[in-house]
Amino acid sequence: MLFLLNDTVIEIETPEARVLGRWREMGCGDPRKLRASDAVDFVKQALRPWVGQTAAADDELLKDLAALIISKTGANSLILIPTPGGQFEARLKDVPPLVLETFQAGAANDVGLRQRA
């Protein structure tokens, strides 16, 4: 399954299984007891240092956070928008898979072009 986190497309297999297997390492608490809003708040805090440069974050962290959002909200996209007070507004969406595939392919082509230059 593809997931869009700000400007980064993340490919994640079996999100629920990943969360159940890694929640202790993630530090989010027992995911069976989390509400969707708790999961979003946890992800906002975990991504605070990476907003604006999400692609620079650790791949495993991004997969963990994407899996948590998918499993608790059903959304395949989370966009964090800075607010004037220094916080982040979270926008969850269900983006058509073809759009995510196209975005992912375009990002891969951009990386290839930069490496050749």
Protein backbone atom coordinates (compact mmCIF):
# COMPACT_ATOMS: atom_id res chain seq x y z
CA MET A 1 0.00 0.00 0.00
CA LEU A 2 1.23 3.49 -0.80
CA PHE A 3 0.98 6.33 1.72
CA LEU A 4 1.64 10.04 1.19
CA LEU A 5 3.30 11.83 4.08
CA ASN A 6 3.69 15.50 3.18
CA ASP A 7 5.91 15.24 0.08
CA THR A 8 7.05 11.63 0.51
CA VAL A 9 5.39 8.49 -0.83
CA ILE A 10 5.99 5.50 1.42
CA GLU A 11 5.37 1.91 0.42
CA ILE A 12 4.11 -0.17 3.34
CA GLU A 13 3.13 -3.83 3.45
CA THR A 14 0.52 -4.99 5.99
CA PRO A 15 0.24 -1.81 8.07
CA GLU A 16 -1.66 -3.38 10.97
CA ALA A 17 0.86 -6.20 11.35
CA ARG A 18 3.74 -3.71 11.27
CA VAL A 19 2.18 -1.60 14.02
CA LEU A 20 1.43 -4.61 16.21
CA GLY A 21 4.99 -5.85 15.78
CA ARG A 22 6.77 -2.53 16.32
CA TRP A 23 4.64 -0.41 18.68
CA ARG A 24 7.09 -0.80 21.56
CA GLU A 25 10.00 0.46 19.43
CA MET A 26 7.81 3.29 18.16
CA GLY A 27 6.86 4.36 21.66
CA CYS A 28 3.22 5.03 20.78
CA GLY A 29 1.70 2.78 23.43
CA ASP A 30 -0.57 -0.17 22.77
CA PRO A 31 -2.15 0.60 19.39
CA ARG A 32 -5.28 -1.36 20.26
CA LYS A 33 -6.02 1.33 22.86
CA LEU A 34 -5.25 4.33 20.64
CA ARG A 35 -7.96 6.42 19.06
CA ALA A 36 -7.39 7.90 15.61
CA SER A 37 -6.77 11.35 17.12
CA ASP A 38 -4.15 9.89 19.49
CA ALA A 39 -2.32 8.34 16.53
CA VAL A 40 -2.37 11.62 14.60
CA ASP A 41 -1.06 13.52 17.65
CA PHE A 42 1.72 10.95 18.11
CA VAL A 43 2.76 11.24 14.45
CA LYS A 44 2.71 15.06 14.60
CA GLN A 45 5.11 14.98 17.55
CA ALA A 46 7.35 12.32 15.99
CA LEU A 47 7.63 14.28 12.74
CA ARG A 48 8.16 17.71 14.29
CA PRO A 49 11.92 17.71 13.50
CA TRP A 50 11.28 16.53 9.93
CA VAL A 51 8.45 18.77 8.71
CA GLY A 52 9.59 20.46 5.53
CA GLN A 53 12.17 17.75 4.90
CA THR A 54 10.23 14.54 5.45
CA ALA A 55 12.29 12.67 2.85
CA ALA A 56 15.38 13.13 5.08
CA ALA A 57 13.80 11.17 7.95
CA ASP A 58 14.67 7.53 8.63
CA ASP A 59 12.83 5.16 6.26
CA GLU A 60 11.83 2.78 9.04
CA LEU A 61 10.42 5.63 11.13
CA LEU A 62 8.36 6.83 8.16
CA LYS A 63 7.06 3.30 7.52
CA ASP A 64 6.13 2.92 11.20
CA LEU A 65 4.29 6.24 11.28
CA ALA A 66 2.52 5.58 7.98
CA ALA A 67 1.43 2.16 9.20
CA LEU A 68 0.06 3.70 12.40
CA ILE A 69 -1.99 6.29 10.51
CA ILE A 70 -3.30 3.72 8.04
CA SER A 71 -4.27 1.26 10.75
CA LYS A 72 -5.96 3.81 13.02
CA THR A 73 -7.61 6.13 10.48
CA GLY A 74 -7.89 4.24 7.20
CA ALA A 75 -6.45 7.27 5.36
CA ASN A 76 -3.60 6.88 2.89
CA SER A 77 -2.34 10.45 3.21
CA LEU A 78 -1.33 12.75 6.04
CA ILE A 79 -0.32 16.32 5.30
CA LEU A 80 1.03 18.44 8.16
CA ILE A 81 0.55 22.16 7.66
CA PRO A 82 2.36 24.62 9.97
CA THR A 83 0.07 27.03 11.82
CA PRO A 84 0.96 30.54 13.01
CA GLY A 85 1.27 29.31 16.61
CA GLY A 86 4.12 26.94 15.75
CA GLN A 87 1.87 23.86 15.79
CA PHE A 88 0.76 21.66 12.90
CA GLU A 89 -2.66 21.08 11.44
CA ALA A 90 -3.08 17.50 10.26
CA ARG A 91 -5.08 16.77 7.12
CA LEU A 92 -6.02 13.17 6.47
CA LYS A 93 -7.17 12.15 3.03
CA ASP A 94 -7.86 9.11 0.95
CA VAL A 95 -5.91 9.74 -2.25
CA PRO A 96 -6.61 7.52 -5.27
CA PRO A 97 -3.84 4.88 -5.60
CA LEU A 98 -3.12 5.89 -9.21
CA VAL A 99 -2.30 9.43 -8.05
CA LEU A 100 0.13 8.08 -5.45
CA GLU A 101 1.75 5.76 -8.01
CA THR A 102 2.19 8.66 -10.42
CA PHE A 103 3.64 10.88 -7.69
CA GLN A 104 6.03 8.10 -6.63
CA ALA A 105 7.17 7.51 -10.22
CA GLY A 106 7.72 11.24 -10.73
CA ALA A 107 9.78 11.49 -7.55
CA ALA A 108 11.92 8.52 -8.61
CA ASN A 109 12.52 10.14 -12.01
CA ASP A 110 13.52 13.42 -10.33
CA VAL A 111 16.10 11.60 -8.19
CA GLY A 112 17.51 9.86 -11.28
CA LEU A 113 17.82 13.15 -13.11
CA ARG A 114 19.62 14.79 -10.20
CA GLN A 115 22.05 11.88 -9.89
CA ARG A 116 22.98 12.13 -13.59
CA ALA A 117 23.52 15.90 -13.47
